[in-house]
Amino acid sequence: MSETTFEQALTELEEIIKKLEDGKLPLEDAVKAFERGSELKKICEEKLKNAQLKIEMLSEKTE
């Protein structure tokens, strides 16, 4: 399985949020969507954290 990019995870997460906000998913599907959304949120947070660390490291090199 190839690694999910930040953009892919964010797009999928946004789609899940829209479906959950719509309120038309059956309960079981809503729970599954929530679980997947939680996974995607973690992926996004990790990608942002890594990007921030890289930026900080690059900033230190230029000072």
PDB file of N, CA and C in Angstrom:
ATOM      1  N   MET A   1       0.840  -1.193   0.000  1.00  0.00           N
ATOM      2  CA  MET A   1       0.000   0.000   0.000  1.00  0.00           C
ATOM      3  C   MET A   1       0.875   1.242   0.000  1.00  0.00           C
ATOM      4  N   SER A   2       0.646   2.136  -0.938  1.00  0.00           N
ATOM      5  CA  SER A   2       1.449   3.340  -1.006  1.00  0.00           C
ATOM      6  C   SER A   2       1.032   4.308   0.097  1.00  0.00           C
ATOM      7  N   GLU A   3       1.965   5.154   0.471  1.00  0.00           N
ATOM      8  CA  GLU A   3       1.714   6.089   1.557  1.00  0.00           C
ATOM      9  C   GLU A   3       0.739   7.189   1.114  1.00  0.00           C
ATOM     10  N   THR A   4      -0.196   7.486   1.956  1.00  0.00           N
ATOM     11  CA  THR A   4      -1.181   8.528   1.689  1.00  0.00           C
ATOM     12  C   THR A   4      -0.530   9.895   1.864  1.00  0.00           C
ATOM     13  N   THR A   5      -0.746  10.792   0.913  1.00  0.00           N
ATOM     14  CA  THR A   5      -0.217  12.140   1.048  1.00  0.00           C
ATOM     15  C   THR A   5      -1.120  12.964   1.960  1.00  0.00           C
ATOM     16  N   PHE A   6      -0.608  14.080   2.420  1.00  0.00           N
ATOM     17  CA  PHE A   6      -1.401  14.981   3.254  1.00  0.00           C
ATOM     18  C   PHE A   6      -2.654  15.423   2.508  1.00  0.00           C
ATOM     19  N   GLU A   7      -2.473  15.774   1.249  1.00  0.00           N
ATOM     20  CA  GLU A   7      -3.588  16.278   0.456  1.00  0.00           C
ATOM     21  C   GLU A   7      -4.664  15.216   0.260  1.00  0.00           C
ATOM     22  N   GLN A   8      -4.248  13.966   0.021  1.00  0.00           N
ATOM     23  CA  GLN A   8      -5.209  12.884  -0.141  1.00  0.00           C
ATOM     24  C   GLN A   8      -5.990  12.648   1.155  1.00  0.00           C
ATOM     25  N   ALA A   9      -5.262  12.621   2.265  1.00  0.00           N
ATOM     26  CA  ALA A   9      -5.901  12.393   3.560  1.00  0.00           C
ATOM     27  C   ALA A   9      -6.875  13.515   3.886  1.00  0.00           C
ATOM     28  N   LEU A  10      -6.464  14.746   3.635  1.00  0.00           N
ATOM     29  CA  LEU A  10      -7.324  15.891   3.936  1.00  0.00           C
ATOM     30  C   LEU A  10      -8.576  15.886   3.072  1.00  0.00           C
ATOM     31  N   THR A  11      -8.427  15.578   1.804  1.00  0.00           N
ATOM     32  CA  THR A  11      -9.584  15.521   0.902  1.00  0.00           C
ATOM     33  C   THR A  11     -10.576  14.455   1.349  1.00  0.00           C
ATOM     34  N   GLU A  12     -10.056  13.269   1.671  1.00  0.00           N
ATOM     35  CA  GLU A  12     -10.934  12.188   2.125  1.00  0.00           C
ATOM     36  C   GLU A  12     -11.605  12.559   3.448  1.00  0.00           C
ATOM     37  N   LEU A  13     -10.845  13.179   4.340  1.00  0.00           N
ATOM     38  CA  LEU A  13     -11.400  13.604   5.627  1.00  0.00           C
ATOM     39  C   LEU A  13     -12.514  14.621   5.431  1.00  0.00           C
ATOM     40  N   GLU A  14     -12.318  15.568   4.536  1.00  0.00           N
ATOM     41  CA  GLU A  14     -13.357  16.564   4.255  1.00  0.00           C
ATOM     42  C   GLU A  14     -14.627  15.906   3.714  1.00  0.00           C
ATOM     43  N   GLU A  15     -14.455  14.896   2.853  1.00  0.00           N
ATOM     44  CA  GLU A  15     -15.615  14.178   2.305  1.00  0.00           C
ATOM     45  C   GLU A  15     -16.370  13.442   3.410  1.00  0.00           C
ATOM     46  N   ILE A  16     -15.626  12.826   4.315  1.00  0.00           N
ATOM     47  CA  ILE A  16     -16.256  12.111   5.424  1.00  0.00           C
ATOM     48  C   ILE A  16     -17.021  13.080   6.318  1.00  0.00           C
ATOM     49  N   ILE A  17     -16.432  14.220   6.596  1.00  0.00           N
ATOM     50  CA  ILE A  17     -17.090  15.215   7.441  1.00  0.00           C
ATOM     51  C   ILE A  17     -18.407  15.665   6.810  1.00  0.00           C
ATOM     52  N   LYS A  18     -18.387  15.903   5.502  1.00  0.00           N
ATOM     53  CA  LYS A  18     -19.615  16.310   4.815  1.00  0.00           C
ATOM     54  C   LYS A  18     -20.703  15.246   4.948  1.00  0.00           C
ATOM     55  N   LYS A  19     -20.305  13.974   4.760  1.00  0.00           N
ATOM     56  CA  LYS A  19     -21.279  12.883   4.866  1.00  0.00           C
ATOM     57  C   LYS A  19     -21.844  12.779   6.284  1.00  0.00           C
ATOM     58  N   LEU A  20     -20.977  12.932   7.277  1.00  0.00           N
ATOM     59  CA  LEU A  20     -21.440  12.839   8.661  1.00  0.00           C
ATOM     60  C   LEU A  20     -22.336  14.025   9.023  1.00  0.00           C
ATOM     61  N   GLU A  21     -21.980  15.206   8.550  1.00  0.00           N
ATOM     62  CA  GLU A  21     -22.801  16.387   8.832  1.00  0.00           C
ATOM     63  C   GLU A  21     -24.161  16.309   8.155  1.00  0.00           C
ATOM     64  N   ASP A  22     -24.200  15.634   7.011  1.00  0.00           N
ATOM     65  CA  ASP A  22     -25.449  15.480   6.279  1.00  0.00           C
ATOM     66  C   ASP A  22     -26.464  14.664   7.083  1.00  0.00           C
ATOM     67  N   GLY A  23     -25.948  13.740   7.901  1.00  0.00           N
ATOM     68  CA  GLY A  23     -26.806  12.963   8.779  1.00  0.00           C
ATOM     69  C   GLY A  23     -27.623  11.868   8.108  1.00  0.00           C
ATOM     70  N   LYS A  24     -27.272  11.517   6.889  1.00  0.00           N
ATOM     71  CA  LYS A  24     -28.056  10.523   6.167  1.00  0.00           C
ATOM     72  C   LYS A  24     -27.426   9.130   6.166  1.00  0.00           C
ATOM     73  N   LEU A  25     -26.257   8.987   6.784  1.00  0.00           N
ATOM     74  CA  LEU A  25     -25.619   7.672   6.836  1.00  0.00           C
ATOM     75  C   LEU A  25     -26.288   6.804   7.896  1.00  0.00           C
ATOM     76  N   PRO A  26     -26.459   5.527   7.596  1.00  0.00           N
ATOM     77  CA  PRO A  26     -26.933   4.610   8.642  1.00  0.00           C
ATOM     78  C   PRO A  26     -25.900   4.587   9.785  1.00  0.00           C
ATOM     79  N   LEU A  27     -26.345   4.254  10.974  1.00  0.00           N
ATOM     80  CA  LEU A  27     -25.486   4.312  12.148  1.00  0.00           C
ATOM     81  C   LEU A  27     -24.181   3.544  11.958  1.00  0.00           C
ATOM     82  N   GLU A  28     -24.264   2.313  11.461  1.00  0.00           N
ATOM     83  CA  GLU A  28     -23.062   1.501  11.290  1.00  0.00           C
ATOM     84  C   GLU A  28     -22.075   2.166  10.329  1.00  0.00           C
ATOM     85  N   ASP A  29     -22.580   2.709   9.237  1.00  0.00           N
ATOM     86  CA  ASP A  29     -21.729   3.402   8.277  1.00  0.00           C
ATOM     87  C   ASP A  29     -21.143   4.680   8.881  1.00  0.00           C
ATOM     88  N   ALA A  30     -21.920   5.375   9.684  1.00  0.00           N
ATOM     89  CA  ALA A  30     -21.445   6.593  10.334  1.00  0.00           C
ATOM     90  C   ALA A  30     -20.306   6.277  11.302  1.00  0.00           C
ATOM     91  N   VAL A  31     -20.432   5.173  12.027  1.00  0.00           N
ATOM     92  CA  VAL A  31     -19.366   4.779  12.953  1.00  0.00           C
ATOM     93  C   VAL A  31     -18.099   4.436  12.182  1.00  0.00           C
ATOM     94  N   LYS A  32     -18.236   3.698  11.088  1.00  0.00           N
ATOM     95  CA  LYS A  32     -17.079   3.356  10.253  1.00  0.00           C
ATOM     96  C   LYS A  32     -16.439   4.612   9.669  1.00  0.00           C
ATOM     97  N   ALA A  33     -17.268   5.542   9.223  1.00  0.00           N
ATOM     98  CA  ALA A  33     -16.754   6.789   8.669  1.00  0.00           C
ATOM     99  C   ALA A  33     -16.026   7.586   9.741  1.00  0.00           C
ATOM    100  N   PHE A  34     -16.560   7.596  10.951  1.00  0.00           N
ATOM    101  CA  PHE A  34     -15.912   8.296  12.055  1.00  0.00           C
ATOM    102  C   PHE A  34     -14.550   7.672  12.354  1.00  0.00           C
ATOM    103  N   GLU A  35     -14.499   6.350  12.360  1.00  0.00           N
ATOM    104  CA  GLU A  35     -13.226   5.654  12.609  1.00  0.00           C
ATOM    105  C   GLU A  35     -12.199   6.001  11.537  1.00  0.00           C
ATOM    106  N   ARG A  36     -12.627   5.976  10.286  1.00  0.00           N
ATOM    107  CA  ARG A  36     -11.713   6.326   9.187  1.00  0.00           C
ATOM    108  C   ARG A  36     -11.295   7.783   9.298  1.00  0.00           C
ATOM    109  N   GLY A  37     -12.210   8.650   9.648  1.00  0.00           N
ATOM    110  CA  GLY A  37     -11.881  10.058   9.835  1.00  0.00           C
ATOM    111  C   GLY A  37     -10.844  10.261  10.928  1.00  0.00           C
ATOM    112  N   SER A  38     -10.951   9.485  11.992  1.00  0.00           N
ATOM    113  CA  SER A  38      -9.968   9.568  13.076  1.00  0.00           C
ATOM    114  C   SER A  38      -8.588   9.154  12.587  1.00  0.00           C
ATOM    115  N   GLU A  39      -8.537   8.098  11.768  1.00  0.00           N
ATOM    116  CA  GLU A  39      -7.260   7.663  11.194  1.00  0.00           C
ATOM    117  C   GLU A  39      -6.671   8.745  10.301  1.00  0.00           C
ATOM    118  N   LEU A  40      -7.521   9.332   9.469  1.00  0.00           N
ATOM    119  CA  LEU A  40      -7.057  10.378   8.554  1.00  0.00           C
ATOM    120  C   LEU A  40      -6.579  11.609   9.310  1.00  0.00           C
ATOM    121  N   LYS A  41      -7.255  11.944  10.396  1.00  0.00           N
ATOM    122  CA  LYS A  41      -6.841  13.077  11.221  1.00  0.00           C
ATOM    123  C   LYS A  41      -5.436  12.848  11.763  1.00  0.00           C
ATOM    124  N   LYS A  42      -5.174  11.627  12.224  1.00  0.00           N
ATOM    125  CA  LYS A  42      -3.842  11.300  12.731  1.00  0.00           C
ATOM    126  C   LYS A  42      -2.784  11.408  11.635  1.00  0.00           C
ATOM    127  N   ILE A  43      -3.126  10.940  10.437  1.00  0.00           N
ATOM    128  CA  ILE A  43      -2.197  11.036   9.308  1.00  0.00           C
ATOM    129  C   ILE A  43      -1.876  12.500   9.020  1.00  0.00           C
ATOM    130  N   CYS A  44      -2.907  13.337   8.972  1.00  0.00           N
ATOM    131  CA  CYS A  44      -2.715  14.766   8.698  1.00  0.00           C
ATOM    132  C   CYS A  44      -1.858  15.420   9.775  1.00  0.00           C
ATOM    133  N   GLU A  45      -2.146  15.113  11.022  1.00  0.00           N
ATOM    134  CA  GLU A  45      -1.369  15.698  12.122  1.00  0.00           C
ATOM    135  C   GLU A  45       0.094  15.285  12.043  1.00  0.00           C
ATOM    136  N   GLU A  46       0.350  14.020  11.729  1.00  0.00           N
ATOM    137  CA  GLU A  46       1.730  13.531  11.636  1.00  0.00           C
ATOM    138  C   GLU A  46       2.460  14.204  10.469  1.00  0.00           C
ATOM    139  N   LYS A  47       1.786  14.325   9.338  1.00  0.00           N
ATOM    140  CA  LYS A  47       2.399  14.985   8.174  1.00  0.00           C
ATOM    141  C   LYS A  47       2.715  16.447   8.478  1.00  0.00           C
ATOM    142  N   LEU A  48       1.797  17.134   9.149  1.00  0.00           N
ATOM    143  CA  LEU A  48       2.039  18.536   9.506  1.00  0.00           C
ATOM    144  C   LEU A  48       3.190  18.663  10.504  1.00  0.00           C
ATOM    145  N   LYS A  49       3.237  17.749  11.458  1.00  0.00           N
ATOM    146  CA  LYS A  49       4.315  17.751  12.443  1.00  0.00           C
ATOM    147  C   LYS A  49       5.665  17.562  11.755  1.00  0.00           C
ATOM    148  N   ASN A  50       5.739  16.608  10.838  1.00  0.00           N
ATOM    149  CA  ASN A  50       6.985  16.367  10.110  1.00  0.00           C
ATOM    150  C   ASN A  50       7.393  17.565   9.266  1.00  0.00           C
ATOM    151  N   ALA A  51       6.429  18.186   8.624  1.00  0.00           N
ATOM    152  CA  ALA A  51       6.717  19.369   7.816  1.00  0.00           C
ATOM    153  C   ALA A  51       7.237  20.503   8.698  1.00  0.00           C
ATOM    154  N   GLN A  52       6.626  20.675   9.859  1.00  0.00           N
ATOM    155  CA  GLN A  52       7.059  21.721  10.776  1.00  0.00           C
ATOM    156  C   GLN A  52       8.492  21.477  11.245  1.00  0.00           C
ATOM    157  N   LEU A  53       8.809  20.229  11.558  1.00  0.00           N
ATOM    158  CA  LEU A  53      10.168  19.900  11.986  1.00  0.00           C
ATOM    159  C   LEU A  53      11.180  20.173  10.887  1.00  0.00           C
ATOM    160  N   LYS A  54      10.845  19.839   9.648  1.00  0.00           N
ATOM    161  CA  LYS A  54      11.739  20.103   8.525  1.00  0.00           C
ATOM    162  C   LYS A  54      11.968  21.599   8.349  1.00  0.00           C
ATOM    163  N   ILE A  55      10.895  22.362   8.462  1.00  0.00           N
ATOM    164  CA  ILE A  55      11.007  23.818   8.327  1.00  0.00           C
ATOM    165  C   ILE A  55      11.891  24.394   9.435  1.00  0.00           C
ATOM    166  N   GLU A  56      11.696  23.910  10.649  1.00  0.00           N
ATOM    167  CA  GLU A  56      12.522  24.380  11.758  1.00  0.00           C
ATOM    168  C   GLU A  56      13.988  24.033  11.538  1.00  0.00           C
ATOM    169  N   MET A  57      14.266  22.827  11.043  1.00  0.00           N
ATOM    170  CA  MET A  57      15.637  22.424  10.790  1.00  0.00           C
ATOM    171  C   MET A  57      16.259  23.286   9.691  1.00  0.00           C
ATOM    172  N   LEU A  58      15.509  23.562   8.645  1.00  0.00           N
ATOM    173  CA  LEU A  58      16.011  24.399   7.561  1.00  0.00           C
ATOM    174  C   LEU A  58      16.236  25.834   8.032  1.00  0.00           C
ATOM    175  N   SER A  59      15.356  26.318   8.867  1.00  0.00           N
ATOM    176  CA  SER A  59      15.485  27.676   9.402  1.00  0.00           C
ATOM    177  C   SER A  59      16.734  27.792  10.261  1.00  0.00           C
ATOM    178  N   GLU A  60      17.030  26.769  11.039  1.00  0.00           N
ATOM    179  CA  GLU A  60      18.230  26.783  11.875  1.00  0.00           C
ATOM    180  C   GLU A  60      19.493  26.797  11.033  1.00  0.00           C
ATOM    181  N   LYS A  61      19.489  26.123   9.899  1.00  0.00           N
ATOM    182  CA  LYS A  61      20.652  26.077   9.022  1.00  0.00           C
ATOM    183  C   LYS A  61      20.935  27.425   8.392  1.00  0.00           C
ATOM    184  N   THR A  62      19.908  28.223   8.156  1.00  0.00           N
ATOM    185  CA  THR A  62      20.089  29.507   7.481  1.00  0.00           C
ATOM    186  C   THR A  62      20.411  30.639   8.447  1.00  0.00           C
ATOM    187  N   GLU A  63      20.316  30.359   9.747  1.00  0.00           N
ATOM    188  CA  GLU A  63      20.594  31.426  10.723  1.00  0.00           C
ATOM    189  C   GLU A  63      22.065  31.536  11.009  1.00  0.00           C
TER     190      GLU A  63
END
